[in-house]
């Protein structure tokens, strides 16, 4: 019971502090890797502001509901624009040059019934208060929990982006970001996750790092 009360106190404190700040603090775990060395034909260079790209979809993404992929691509389009890349129109106008880059985008969200360190909801804990009828050989009562143990859904989100040189199909940049918390999916949280994944592009620090982004509630 002490552990549960501590968990509830911690959650209440977090909500109170977050409410005072008026923002959600997202601690994003990011991994980025770049390889801008020239390929066999010497064609690979770093992107420059204004370069165009197009999205590529894996076969599994083609089988999934189109609206889901289109929604995350729309959010990614804005995030990529913030680092200087522009989406090519689809379909391309006749005679237009093919985009220099392609982007493969992945997104995953898992909804858990409660946080990993919490415990499943139970009918009650502590003291029960009830009413009943007394019979000659005993009694029967009907009780209700005085302190019900409640749990809050917990969400784990992850995005990944792979940038290829369209002329050689060679991967030149890849990045992945993830965060978790009691906040349900919404475009603002996905945008923050993508901004974290693209922080430092095109030459972000290699390997794992923590990127903190605050978003309004």
N, C-alpha and C. Protein backbone atom coordinates (compact mmCIF):
# COMPACT_ATOMS: atom_id res chain seq x y z
N UNK A 1 0.83 -1.19 0.00
CA UNK A 1 0.00 0.00 0.00
C UNK A 1 0.87 1.25 0.00
N UNK A 2 1.98 1.20 0.73
CA UNK A 2 2.89 2.34 0.76
C UNK A 2 3.41 2.66 -0.63
N UNK A 3 3.71 1.60 -1.39
CA UNK A 3 4.24 1.79 -2.74
C UNK A 3 3.19 2.45 -3.63
N UNK A 4 1.95 2.01 -3.47
CA UNK A 4 0.91 2.59 -4.31
C UNK A 4 0.67 4.04 -3.95
N UNK A 5 0.61 4.33 -2.63
CA UNK A 5 0.42 5.70 -2.21
C UNK A 5 1.56 6.58 -2.70
N UNK A 6 2.79 6.03 -2.69
CA UNK A 6 3.93 6.79 -3.19
C UNK A 6 3.79 7.08 -4.67
N UNK A 7 3.30 6.07 -5.44
CA UNK A 7 3.11 6.27 -6.87
C UNK A 7 2.07 7.33 -7.15
N UNK A 8 0.96 7.29 -6.38
CA UNK A 8 -0.08 8.29 -6.56
C UNK A 8 0.43 9.68 -6.18
N UNK A 9 1.22 9.76 -5.12
CA UNK A 9 1.77 11.04 -4.71
C UNK A 9 2.70 11.60 -5.77
N UNK A 10 3.52 10.71 -6.35
CA UNK A 10 4.45 11.14 -7.39
C UNK A 10 3.70 11.65 -8.60
N UNK A 11 2.64 10.92 -9.00
CA UNK A 11 1.86 11.35 -10.14
C UNK A 11 1.18 12.67 -9.87
N UNK A 12 0.62 12.82 -8.66
CA UNK A 12 -0.04 14.07 -8.32
C UNK A 12 0.96 15.23 -8.34
N UNK A 13 2.17 14.98 -7.81
CA UNK A 13 3.18 16.02 -7.82
C UNK A 13 3.60 16.40 -9.22
N UNK A 14 3.73 15.39 -10.08
CA UNK A 14 4.10 15.66 -11.47
C UNK A 14 3.04 16.50 -12.16
N UNK A 15 1.78 16.13 -11.96
CA UNK A 15 0.69 16.87 -12.58
C UNK A 15 0.64 18.29 -12.04
N UNK A 16 0.88 18.45 -10.75
CA UNK A 16 0.84 19.78 -10.16
C UNK A 16 1.94 20.65 -10.72
N UNK A 17 3.17 20.11 -10.77
CA UNK A 17 4.27 20.88 -11.31
C UNK A 17 4.06 21.20 -12.78
N UNK A 18 3.58 20.18 -13.53
CA UNK A 18 3.34 20.42 -14.94
C UNK A 18 2.27 21.46 -15.16
N UNK A 19 1.22 21.44 -14.29
CA UNK A 19 0.16 22.42 -14.44
C UNK A 19 0.67 23.83 -14.17
N UNK A 20 1.56 23.96 -13.18
CA UNK A 20 2.11 25.28 -12.87
C UNK A 20 2.96 25.78 -14.04
N UNK A 21 3.72 24.89 -14.63
CA UNK A 21 4.59 25.30 -15.74
C UNK A 21 3.81 25.53 -17.01
N UNK A 22 2.63 24.92 -17.13
CA UNK A 22 1.83 25.09 -18.33
C UNK A 22 2.40 24.38 -19.54
N UNK A 23 3.27 23.40 -19.33
CA UNK A 23 3.89 22.69 -20.44
C UNK A 23 4.15 21.24 -20.04
N UNK A 24 4.26 20.40 -21.05
CA UNK A 24 4.64 19.01 -20.86
C UNK A 24 6.12 18.88 -21.22
N UNK A 25 6.90 18.31 -20.33
CA UNK A 25 8.32 18.11 -20.57
C UNK A 25 8.52 16.71 -21.14
N UNK A 26 8.95 16.64 -22.39
CA UNK A 26 9.15 15.38 -23.08
C UNK A 26 10.64 15.06 -23.14
N UNK A 27 11.02 13.96 -22.52
CA UNK A 27 12.40 13.52 -22.56
C UNK A 27 12.53 12.45 -23.64
N UNK A 28 13.08 12.83 -24.77
CA UNK A 28 13.16 11.97 -25.94
C UNK A 28 14.53 11.29 -26.03
N UNK A 29 14.52 9.99 -26.20
CA UNK A 29 15.75 9.24 -26.42
C UNK A 29 15.99 9.16 -27.92
N UNK A 30 17.13 9.69 -28.37
CA UNK A 30 17.41 9.85 -29.80
C UNK A 30 18.70 9.14 -30.17
N UNK A 31 18.69 8.52 -31.33
CA UNK A 31 19.91 7.94 -31.92
C UNK A 31 19.98 8.40 -33.37
N UNK A 32 21.10 8.99 -33.76
CA UNK A 32 21.27 9.48 -35.13
C UNK A 32 22.62 9.04 -35.68
N UNK A 33 22.64 8.76 -36.98
CA UNK A 33 23.87 8.33 -37.65
C UNK A 33 23.89 8.94 -39.05
N UNK A 34 25.04 9.47 -39.44
CA UNK A 34 25.19 10.10 -40.75
C UNK A 34 26.38 9.50 -41.49
N UNK A 35 26.25 9.42 -42.82
CA UNK A 35 27.35 8.99 -43.68
C UNK A 35 27.28 9.81 -44.96
N UNK A 36 27.94 10.97 -44.94
CA UNK A 36 27.93 11.85 -46.10
C UNK A 36 29.15 11.64 -47.00
N UNK A 37 29.87 10.56 -46.80
CA UNK A 37 31.00 10.28 -47.67
C UNK A 37 30.49 9.98 -49.08
N UNK A 38 31.31 10.26 -50.05
CA UNK A 38 30.91 10.06 -51.44
C UNK A 38 30.71 8.59 -51.75
N UNK A 39 29.70 8.29 -52.55
CA UNK A 39 29.44 6.92 -52.98
C UNK A 39 30.33 6.54 -54.14
N UNK A 40 30.04 5.38 -54.79
CA UNK A 40 30.88 4.91 -55.90
C UNK A 40 31.04 5.93 -57.01
N UNK A 41 29.98 6.72 -57.26
CA UNK A 41 30.07 7.70 -58.35
C UNK A 41 30.45 9.08 -57.83
N UNK A 42 30.73 9.16 -56.53
CA UNK A 42 31.12 10.45 -55.96
C UNK A 42 29.99 11.45 -55.88
N UNK A 43 28.73 10.96 -55.83
CA UNK A 43 27.59 11.88 -55.93
C UNK A 43 27.03 12.35 -54.60
N UNK A 44 27.39 11.75 -53.49
CA UNK A 44 26.74 12.08 -52.22
C UNK A 44 27.28 13.40 -51.66
N UNK A 45 26.41 14.29 -51.35
CA UNK A 45 26.74 15.53 -50.67
C UNK A 45 25.68 15.77 -49.61
N UNK A 46 25.96 16.65 -48.68
CA UNK A 46 24.96 16.96 -47.67
C UNK A 46 23.82 17.77 -48.29
N UNK A 47 22.62 17.59 -47.76
CA UNK A 47 21.50 18.41 -48.26
C UNK A 47 21.74 19.89 -47.96
N UNK A 48 21.20 20.72 -48.80
CA UNK A 48 21.24 22.16 -48.58
C UNK A 48 19.81 22.65 -48.46
N UNK A 49 19.59 23.77 -47.78
CA UNK A 49 18.23 24.28 -47.62
C UNK A 49 17.53 24.42 -48.98
N UNK A 50 16.34 23.92 -49.05
CA UNK A 50 15.57 23.97 -50.29
C UNK A 50 15.58 22.69 -51.08
N UNK A 51 16.48 21.74 -50.72
CA UNK A 51 16.49 20.45 -51.42
C UNK A 51 15.13 19.77 -51.27
N UNK A 52 14.76 19.03 -52.30
CA UNK A 52 13.47 18.35 -52.30
C UNK A 52 13.64 16.85 -52.02
N UNK A 53 12.58 16.27 -51.50
CA UNK A 53 12.56 14.83 -51.21
C UNK A 53 11.17 14.31 -51.49
N UNK A 54 11.06 13.00 -51.52
CA UNK A 54 9.75 12.34 -51.59
C UNK A 54 9.74 11.21 -50.58
N UNK A 55 8.55 10.87 -50.09
CA UNK A 55 8.41 9.77 -49.15
C UNK A 55 8.39 8.44 -49.90
N UNK A 56 9.02 7.46 -49.30
CA UNK A 56 8.93 6.08 -49.76
C UNK A 56 8.18 5.28 -48.71
N UNK A 57 7.34 4.35 -49.16
CA UNK A 57 6.59 3.52 -48.21
C UNK A 57 6.97 2.06 -48.38
N UNK A 58 7.18 1.40 -47.23
CA UNK A 58 7.46 -0.03 -47.25
C UNK A 58 6.18 -0.80 -47.60
N UNK A 59 6.32 -2.05 -48.06
CA UNK A 59 5.13 -2.83 -48.40
C UNK A 59 4.12 -2.90 -47.25
N UNK A 60 4.60 -3.04 -46.01
CA UNK A 60 3.68 -3.12 -44.88
C UNK A 60 2.91 -1.82 -44.71
N UNK A 61 3.54 -0.70 -45.04
CA UNK A 61 2.86 0.59 -44.93
C UNK A 61 1.82 0.76 -46.03
N UNK A 62 2.06 0.13 -47.16
CA UNK A 62 1.07 0.18 -48.24
C UNK A 62 -0.17 -0.62 -47.89
N UNK A 63 0.00 -1.63 -47.01
CA UNK A 63 -1.12 -2.46 -46.60
C UNK A 63 -1.91 -1.84 -45.45
N UNK A 64 -1.28 -0.94 -44.71
CA UNK A 64 -1.94 -0.31 -43.56
C UNK A 64 -2.93 0.74 -44.05
N UNK A 65 -3.87 1.17 -43.18
CA UNK A 65 -4.80 2.24 -43.57
C UNK A 65 -4.05 3.48 -44.04
N UNK A 66 -4.38 3.95 -45.23
CA UNK A 66 -3.64 5.08 -45.82
C UNK A 66 -3.73 6.32 -44.95
N UNK A 67 -4.87 6.54 -44.30
CA UNK A 67 -5.05 7.76 -43.52
C UNK A 67 -4.02 7.87 -42.40
N UNK A 68 -3.66 6.75 -41.77
CA UNK A 68 -2.69 6.77 -40.68
C UNK A 68 -1.33 7.22 -41.18
N UNK A 69 -0.86 6.63 -42.28
CA UNK A 69 0.44 6.99 -42.82
C UNK A 69 0.44 8.43 -43.33
N UNK A 70 -0.64 8.83 -43.96
CA UNK A 70 -0.71 10.20 -44.47
C UNK A 70 -0.68 11.21 -43.33
N UNK A 71 -1.30 10.87 -42.21
CA UNK A 71 -1.32 11.80 -41.08
C UNK A 71 0.08 12.01 -40.51
N UNK A 72 0.84 10.92 -40.31
CA UNK A 72 2.18 11.07 -39.75
C UNK A 72 3.12 11.70 -40.78
N UNK A 73 2.91 11.44 -42.05
CA UNK A 73 3.73 12.08 -43.09
C UNK A 73 3.48 13.58 -43.13
N UNK A 74 2.24 14.01 -42.90
CA UNK A 74 1.95 15.44 -42.89
C UNK A 74 2.69 16.13 -41.75
N UNK A 75 2.75 15.47 -40.58
CA UNK A 75 3.48 16.05 -39.45
C UNK A 75 4.98 16.05 -39.74
N UNK A 76 5.48 14.97 -40.34
CA UNK A 76 6.90 14.88 -40.68
C UNK A 76 7.27 15.92 -41.75
N UNK A 77 6.35 16.20 -42.64
CA UNK A 77 6.63 17.19 -43.69
C UNK A 77 6.95 18.55 -43.05
N UNK A 78 6.20 18.91 -42.04
CA UNK A 78 6.47 20.19 -41.36
C UNK A 78 7.81 20.13 -40.61
N UNK A 79 8.10 19.00 -39.95
CA UNK A 79 9.36 18.87 -39.22
C UNK A 79 10.55 18.94 -40.17
N UNK A 80 10.45 18.29 -41.32
CA UNK A 80 11.53 18.32 -42.30
C UNK A 80 11.70 19.72 -42.89
N UNK A 81 10.60 20.44 -43.04
CA UNK A 81 10.69 21.81 -43.54
C UNK A 81 11.46 22.69 -42.56
N UNK A 82 11.34 22.39 -41.26
CA UNK A 82 12.05 23.18 -40.26
C UNK A 82 13.56 22.96 -40.30
N UNK A 83 14.01 21.88 -40.94
CA UNK A 83 15.46 21.67 -41.10
C UNK A 83 15.89 21.93 -42.55
N UNK A 84 15.00 22.52 -43.35
CA UNK A 84 15.38 22.99 -44.68
C UNK A 84 15.01 22.12 -45.86
N UNK A 85 14.35 20.98 -45.64
CA UNK A 85 13.98 20.11 -46.74
C UNK A 85 12.53 20.34 -47.15
N UNK A 86 12.28 20.28 -48.46
CA UNK A 86 10.93 20.53 -48.97
C UNK A 86 10.41 19.28 -49.64
N UNK A 87 9.14 18.99 -49.42
CA UNK A 87 8.51 17.83 -50.04
C UNK A 87 8.21 18.14 -51.50
N UNK A 88 8.53 17.21 -52.38
CA UNK A 88 8.19 17.36 -53.79
C UNK A 88 6.70 17.16 -53.97
N UNK A 89 6.09 17.85 -54.92
CA UNK A 89 4.65 17.65 -55.15
C UNK A 89 4.38 16.24 -55.66
N UNK A 90 3.22 15.72 -55.31
CA UNK A 90 2.81 14.39 -55.77
C UNK A 90 1.45 14.51 -56.45
N UNK A 91 1.35 14.03 -57.67
CA UNK A 91 2.45 13.52 -58.51
C UNK A 91 3.32 14.66 -59.04
N UNK A 92 4.52 14.30 -59.49
CA UNK A 92 5.41 15.30 -60.05
C UNK A 92 4.85 15.86 -61.35
N UNK A 93 4.98 17.16 -61.58
CA UNK A 93 4.56 17.72 -62.88
C UNK A 93 5.37 17.12 -64.02
N UNK A 94 4.80 17.07 -65.17
CA UNK A 94 5.50 16.52 -66.33
C UNK A 94 6.78 17.30 -66.59
N UNK A 95 7.86 16.57 -66.77
CA UNK A 95 9.15 17.19 -67.06
C UNK A 95 9.91 17.67 -65.84
N UNK A 96 9.33 17.56 -64.64
CA UNK A 96 10.03 18.02 -63.45
C UNK A 96 11.14 17.05 -63.07
N UNK A 97 12.21 17.58 -62.53
CA UNK A 97 13.33 16.74 -62.11
C UNK A 97 12.93 15.93 -60.88
N UNK A 98 13.45 14.71 -60.79
CA UNK A 98 13.17 13.87 -59.64
C UNK A 98 13.83 14.46 -58.40
N UNK A 99 13.21 14.32 -57.23
CA UNK A 99 13.82 14.83 -55.99
C UNK A 99 15.17 14.17 -55.74
N UNK A 100 16.05 14.92 -55.10
CA UNK A 100 17.40 14.40 -54.84
C UNK A 100 17.39 13.35 -53.73
N UNK A 101 16.43 13.43 -52.81
CA UNK A 101 16.43 12.56 -51.64
C UNK A 101 15.12 11.81 -51.50
N UNK A 102 15.17 10.67 -50.82
CA UNK A 102 13.95 9.96 -50.45
C UNK A 102 13.97 9.76 -48.93
N UNK A 103 12.78 9.76 -48.34
CA UNK A 103 12.64 9.61 -46.89
C UNK A 103 11.72 8.44 -46.60
N UNK A 104 12.20 7.51 -45.80
CA UNK A 104 11.39 6.40 -45.31
C UNK A 104 11.04 6.71 -43.86
N UNK A 105 9.76 6.79 -43.59
CA UNK A 105 9.28 7.22 -42.27
C UNK A 105 8.56 6.07 -41.58
N UNK A 106 8.89 5.83 -40.34
CA UNK A 106 8.20 4.83 -39.54
C UNK A 106 7.70 5.44 -38.25
N UNK A 107 6.57 4.96 -37.76
CA UNK A 107 6.01 5.47 -36.50
C UNK A 107 5.30 4.32 -35.79
N UNK A 108 5.44 4.30 -34.48
CA UNK A 108 4.81 3.23 -33.69
C UNK A 108 4.32 3.81 -32.37
N UNK A 109 3.12 3.41 -31.98
CA UNK A 109 2.56 3.85 -30.71
C UNK A 109 1.95 2.65 -30.00
N UNK A 110 2.25 2.52 -28.71
CA UNK A 110 1.72 1.42 -27.90
C UNK A 110 1.00 2.03 -26.70
N UNK A 111 -0.23 1.60 -26.48
CA UNK A 111 -1.00 2.05 -25.32
C UNK A 111 -1.02 0.94 -24.27
N UNK A 112 -0.44 1.22 -23.12
CA UNK A 112 -0.43 0.27 -22.03
C UNK A 112 -1.52 0.63 -21.02
N UNK A 113 -2.09 -0.34 -20.33
CA UNK A 113 -3.15 -0.02 -19.37
C UNK A 113 -2.64 0.77 -18.16
N UNK A 114 -1.35 0.69 -17.88
CA UNK A 114 -0.76 1.42 -16.76
C UNK A 114 0.74 1.50 -16.98
N UNK A 115 1.40 2.37 -16.24
CA UNK A 115 2.84 2.56 -16.38
C UNK A 115 3.59 1.29 -16.00
N UNK A 116 4.76 1.05 -16.59
CA UNK A 116 5.51 -0.19 -16.31
C UNK A 116 5.82 -0.39 -14.83
N UNK A 117 6.00 0.69 -14.07
CA UNK A 117 6.33 0.55 -12.65
C UNK A 117 5.09 0.52 -11.75
N UNK A 118 3.91 0.68 -12.36
CA UNK A 118 2.68 0.66 -11.58
C UNK A 118 2.18 -0.78 -11.48
N UNK A 119 1.05 -0.96 -10.82
CA UNK A 119 0.45 -2.27 -10.66
C UNK A 119 -0.95 -2.26 -11.25
N UNK A 120 -1.47 -3.41 -11.65
CA UNK A 120 -2.82 -3.45 -12.21
C UNK A 120 -3.83 -2.89 -11.21
N UNK A 121 -4.90 -2.32 -11.79
CA UNK A 121 -5.97 -1.80 -10.94
C UNK A 121 -6.60 -2.93 -10.14
N UNK A 122 -6.88 -2.66 -8.88
CA UNK A 122 -7.54 -3.64 -8.03
C UNK A 122 -8.84 -3.03 -7.51
N UNK A 123 -9.79 -3.87 -7.12
CA UNK A 123 -11.06 -3.33 -6.68
C UNK A 123 -10.94 -2.31 -5.56
N UNK A 124 -10.02 -2.56 -4.61
CA UNK A 124 -9.90 -1.63 -3.50
C UNK A 124 -8.63 -1.92 -2.72
N UNK A 125 -8.28 -0.98 -1.84
CA UNK A 125 -7.26 -1.23 -0.84
C UNK A 125 -7.60 -0.37 0.37
N UNK A 126 -7.01 -0.66 1.48
CA UNK A 126 -7.31 0.11 2.66
C UNK A 126 -8.55 -0.42 3.36
N UNK A 127 -9.43 0.49 3.74
CA UNK A 127 -10.60 0.15 4.54
C UNK A 127 -11.84 0.15 3.68
N UNK A 128 -12.72 -0.82 3.91
CA UNK A 128 -14.01 -0.85 3.23
C UNK A 128 -15.09 -0.45 4.21
N UNK A 129 -16.02 0.32 3.73
CA UNK A 129 -17.16 0.74 4.53
C UNK A 129 -18.39 0.08 3.97
N UNK A 130 -19.20 -0.56 4.82
CA UNK A 130 -20.35 -1.27 4.28
C UNK A 130 -21.52 -1.27 5.23
N UNK A 131 -22.62 -1.74 4.70
CA UNK A 131 -23.83 -1.90 5.50
C UNK A 131 -24.32 -3.31 5.32
N UNK A 132 -25.04 -3.86 6.32
CA UNK A 132 -25.49 -5.23 6.18
C UNK A 132 -26.59 -5.56 7.18
N UNK A 133 -27.06 -6.77 7.07
CA UNK A 133 -28.10 -7.25 7.96
C UNK A 133 -27.51 -8.34 8.87
N UNK A 134 -27.88 -8.33 10.14
CA UNK A 134 -27.40 -9.31 11.11
C UNK A 134 -28.38 -10.47 11.17
N UNK A 135 -27.84 -11.69 11.03
CA UNK A 135 -28.66 -12.89 11.09
C UNK A 135 -28.33 -13.63 12.39
N UNK A 136 -29.16 -14.60 12.77
CA UNK A 136 -28.92 -15.30 14.04
C UNK A 136 -27.55 -15.94 14.13
N UNK A 137 -27.02 -16.43 13.04
CA UNK A 137 -25.73 -17.14 13.09
C UNK A 137 -24.63 -16.39 12.35
N UNK A 138 -24.71 -15.13 12.22
CA UNK A 138 -23.67 -14.39 11.53
C UNK A 138 -24.22 -13.14 10.87
N UNK A 139 -23.44 -12.59 9.94
CA UNK A 139 -23.89 -11.38 9.25
C UNK A 139 -23.38 -11.40 7.82
N UNK A 140 -24.00 -10.61 6.97
CA UNK A 140 -23.57 -10.44 5.59
C UNK A 140 -23.59 -8.94 5.30
N UNK A 141 -22.59 -8.47 4.62
CA UNK A 141 -22.54 -7.04 4.35
C UNK A 141 -22.14 -6.76 2.92
N UNK A 142 -22.40 -5.54 2.49
CA UNK A 142 -22.04 -5.08 1.16
C UNK A 142 -21.15 -3.86 1.33
N UNK A 143 -19.91 -3.94 0.82
CA UNK A 143 -18.95 -2.87 1.06
C UNK A 143 -18.57 -2.14 -0.20
N UNK A 144 -17.99 -0.97 -0.03
CA UNK A 144 -17.46 -0.19 -1.14
C UNK A 144 -16.06 0.26 -0.76
N UNK A 145 -15.15 0.37 -1.73
CA UNK A 145 -13.79 0.77 -1.40
C UNK A 145 -13.72 2.20 -0.93
N UNK A 146 -12.98 2.42 0.14
CA UNK A 146 -12.79 3.77 0.64
C UNK A 146 -11.71 4.50 -0.15
N UNK A 147 -10.66 3.77 -0.56
CA UNK A 147 -9.58 4.36 -1.36
C UNK A 147 -9.35 3.48 -2.59
N UNK A 148 -10.11 3.65 -3.65
CA UNK A 148 -9.91 2.80 -4.84
C UNK A 148 -8.56 3.05 -5.48
N UNK A 149 -7.93 1.98 -5.96
CA UNK A 149 -6.64 2.09 -6.63
C UNK A 149 -6.90 2.26 -8.12
N UNK A 150 -6.57 3.42 -8.64
CA UNK A 150 -6.83 3.73 -10.04
C UNK A 150 -5.51 3.72 -10.82
N UNK A 151 -5.58 3.35 -12.08
CA UNK A 151 -4.40 3.40 -12.94
C UNK A 151 -4.69 4.29 -14.13
N UNK A 152 -3.64 4.88 -14.68
CA UNK A 152 -3.75 5.77 -15.83
C UNK A 152 -3.09 5.11 -17.03
N UNK A 153 -3.73 5.12 -18.20
CA UNK A 153 -3.08 4.56 -19.40
C UNK A 153 -1.71 5.21 -19.64
N UNK A 154 -0.80 4.42 -20.19
CA UNK A 154 0.57 4.87 -20.41
C UNK A 154 0.91 4.61 -21.88
N UNK A 155 1.61 5.55 -22.51
CA UNK A 155 1.85 5.48 -23.95
C UNK A 155 3.35 5.46 -24.25
N UNK A 156 3.72 4.62 -25.20
CA UNK A 156 5.10 4.58 -25.70
C UNK A 156 5.06 4.90 -27.20
N UNK A 157 5.84 5.90 -27.61
CA UNK A 157 5.85 6.32 -29.01
C UNK A 157 7.27 6.29 -29.55
N UNK A 158 7.37 6.02 -30.84
CA UNK A 158 8.68 5.96 -31.49
C UNK A 158 8.54 6.36 -32.96
N UNK A 159 9.51 7.11 -33.47
CA UNK A 159 9.57 7.44 -34.89
C UNK A 159 10.96 7.12 -35.42
N UNK A 160 11.04 6.86 -36.69
CA UNK A 160 12.34 6.64 -37.34
C UNK A 160 12.28 7.26 -38.74
N UNK A 161 13.40 7.83 -39.14
CA UNK A 161 13.52 8.39 -40.49
C UNK A 161 14.82 7.89 -41.11
N UNK A 162 14.73 7.48 -42.36
CA UNK A 162 15.90 7.05 -43.12
C UNK A 162 15.94 7.90 -44.39
N UNK A 163 17.06 8.61 -44.58
CA UNK A 163 17.24 9.47 -45.76
C UNK A 163 18.19 8.77 -46.72
N UNK A 164 17.77 8.66 -47.96
CA UNK A 164 18.60 8.04 -49.01
C UNK A 164 18.90 9.04 -50.12
N UNK A 165 20.07 8.86 -50.69
CA UNK A 165 20.39 9.57 -51.94
C UNK A 165 19.62 8.87 -53.05
N UNK A 166 18.71 9.58 -53.69
CA UNK A 166 17.83 8.94 -54.67
C UNK A 166 18.59 8.40 -55.87
N UNK A 167 19.75 8.97 -56.17
CA UNK A 167 20.49 8.52 -57.37
C UNK A 167 21.20 7.20 -57.14
N UNK A 168 21.62 6.95 -55.91
CA UNK A 168 22.34 5.70 -55.63
C UNK A 168 21.57 4.77 -54.70
N UNK A 169 20.44 5.26 -54.13
CA UNK A 169 19.64 4.50 -53.16
C UNK A 169 20.44 4.20 -51.90
N UNK A 170 21.52 4.90 -51.68
CA UNK A 170 22.37 4.67 -50.52
C UNK A 170 21.86 5.44 -49.31
N UNK A 171 21.81 4.79 -48.16
CA UNK A 171 21.39 5.46 -46.92
C UNK A 171 22.50 6.41 -46.47
N UNK A 172 22.15 7.68 -46.29
CA UNK A 172 23.13 8.67 -45.88
C UNK A 172 22.83 9.24 -44.49
N UNK A 173 21.61 9.03 -44.01
CA UNK A 173 21.26 9.55 -42.68
C UNK A 173 20.12 8.71 -42.12
N UNK A 174 20.24 8.36 -40.85
CA UNK A 174 19.14 7.67 -40.17
C UNK A 174 19.04 8.18 -38.75
N UNK A 175 17.82 8.27 -38.27
CA UNK A 175 17.61 8.77 -36.92
C UNK A 175 16.36 8.14 -36.34
N UNK A 176 16.36 7.99 -35.03
CA UNK A 176 15.24 7.36 -34.32
C UNK A 176 15.04 8.09 -33.00
N UNK A 177 13.79 8.29 -32.62
CA UNK A 177 13.49 8.96 -31.36
C UNK A 177 12.30 8.27 -30.70
N UNK A 178 12.31 8.24 -29.37
CA UNK A 178 11.21 7.62 -28.64
C UNK A 178 10.99 8.37 -27.33
N UNK A 179 9.76 8.35 -26.86
CA UNK A 179 9.45 8.86 -25.53
C UNK A 179 8.22 8.13 -25.01
N UNK A 180 7.96 8.26 -23.72
CA UNK A 180 6.80 7.61 -23.13
C UNK A 180 6.23 8.50 -22.04
N UNK A 181 4.96 8.27 -21.72
CA UNK A 181 4.32 9.06 -20.68
C UNK A 181 2.82 8.86 -20.69
N UNK A 182 2.11 9.52 -19.80
CA UNK A 182 0.67 9.33 -19.67
C UNK A 182 -0.16 10.21 -20.61
N UNK A 183 0.42 10.64 -21.71
CA UNK A 183 -0.26 11.55 -22.62
C UNK A 183 -0.70 10.79 -23.87
N UNK A 184 -1.97 10.90 -24.19
CA UNK A 184 -2.51 10.20 -25.35
C UNK A 184 -1.96 10.79 -26.64
N UNK A 185 -2.00 9.99 -27.70
CA UNK A 185 -1.50 10.43 -29.00
C UNK A 185 -2.20 11.72 -29.44
N UNK A 186 -1.41 12.66 -29.94
CA UNK A 186 -1.97 13.84 -30.59
C UNK A 186 -0.88 14.44 -31.47
N UNK A 187 -1.23 15.26 -32.46
CA UNK A 187 -0.24 15.78 -33.40
C UNK A 187 0.90 16.55 -32.74
N UNK A 188 0.62 17.27 -31.66
CA UNK A 188 1.67 18.06 -31.00
C UNK A 188 2.77 17.17 -30.46
N UNK A 189 2.40 16.03 -29.86
CA UNK A 189 3.41 15.12 -29.31
C UNK A 189 4.21 14.46 -30.42
N UNK A 190 3.56 14.10 -31.51
CA UNK A 190 4.29 13.50 -32.64
C UNK A 190 5.24 14.53 -33.26
N UNK A 191 4.79 15.78 -33.37
CA UNK A 191 5.66 16.82 -33.92
C UNK A 191 6.90 17.01 -33.05
N UNK A 192 6.72 17.00 -31.74
CA UNK A 192 7.86 17.14 -30.84
C UNK A 192 8.82 15.97 -30.99
N UNK A 193 8.27 14.78 -31.15
CA UNK A 193 9.12 13.59 -31.30
C UNK A 193 9.93 13.67 -32.58
N UNK A 194 9.31 14.14 -33.65
CA UNK A 194 10.02 14.28 -34.93
C UNK A 194 11.06 15.39 -34.86
N UNK A 195 10.74 16.48 -34.17
CA UNK A 195 11.73 17.55 -34.01
C UNK A 195 12.95 17.05 -33.23
N UNK A 196 12.69 16.21 -32.22
CA UNK A 196 13.81 15.64 -31.46
C UNK A 196 14.66 14.74 -32.35
N UNK A 197 14.00 13.93 -33.17
CA UNK A 197 14.73 13.03 -34.06
C UNK A 197 15.61 13.79 -35.05
N UNK A 198 15.16 14.97 -35.46
CA UNK A 198 15.88 15.74 -36.49
C UNK A 198 16.78 16.82 -35.90
N UNK A 199 16.86 16.90 -34.58
CA UNK A 199 17.71 17.93 -33.98
C UNK A 199 19.17 17.70 -34.38
N UNK A 200 19.80 18.76 -34.87
CA UNK A 200 21.20 18.66 -35.30
C UNK A 200 21.38 18.25 -36.73
N UNK A 201 20.31 17.91 -37.46
CA UNK A 201 20.42 17.52 -38.86
C UNK A 201 21.08 18.64 -39.65
N UNK A 202 22.00 18.33 -40.56
CA UNK A 202 22.37 17.01 -41.08
C UNK A 202 23.60 16.37 -40.41
N UNK A 203 24.11 16.98 -39.36
CA UNK A 203 25.29 16.41 -38.72
C UNK A 203 25.06 16.34 -37.21
N UNK A 204 24.09 15.56 -36.80
CA UNK A 204 23.80 15.40 -35.38
C UNK A 204 24.88 14.56 -34.71
N UNK A 205 25.04 14.70 -33.40
CA UNK A 205 26.00 13.84 -32.69
C UNK A 205 25.65 12.36 -32.90
N UNK A 206 26.64 11.55 -33.15
CA UNK A 206 26.39 10.13 -33.40
C UNK A 206 26.06 9.42 -32.10
N UNK A 207 25.23 8.40 -32.19
CA UNK A 207 24.91 7.58 -31.04
C UNK A 207 23.77 8.12 -30.22
N UNK A 208 23.52 7.49 -29.07
CA UNK A 208 22.37 7.86 -28.24
C UNK A 208 22.56 9.17 -27.50
N UNK A 209 21.46 9.92 -27.33
CA UNK A 209 21.46 11.15 -26.55
C UNK A 209 20.04 11.44 -26.09
N UNK A 210 19.91 12.34 -25.15
CA UNK A 210 18.60 12.74 -24.63
C UNK A 210 18.29 14.16 -25.12
N UNK A 211 17.14 14.32 -25.74
CA UNK A 211 16.71 15.62 -26.25
C UNK A 211 15.42 15.99 -25.53
N UNK A 212 15.43 17.07 -24.78
CA UNK A 212 14.26 17.50 -24.02
C UNK A 212 13.53 18.60 -24.78
N UNK A 213 12.24 18.41 -24.97
CA UNK A 213 11.39 19.39 -25.64
C UNK A 213 10.16 19.61 -24.78
N UNK A 214 9.80 20.87 -24.61
CA UNK A 214 8.59 21.21 -23.88
C UNK A 214 7.51 21.66 -24.85
N UNK A 215 6.32 21.14 -24.66
CA UNK A 215 5.19 21.50 -25.52
C UNK A 215 4.06 22.00 -24.62
N UNK A 216 3.23 22.91 -25.12
CA UNK A 216 2.11 23.40 -24.31
C UNK A 216 1.10 22.30 -24.04
N UNK A 217 0.43 22.40 -22.92
CA UNK A 217 -0.61 21.43 -22.58
C UNK A 217 -1.84 21.69 -23.43
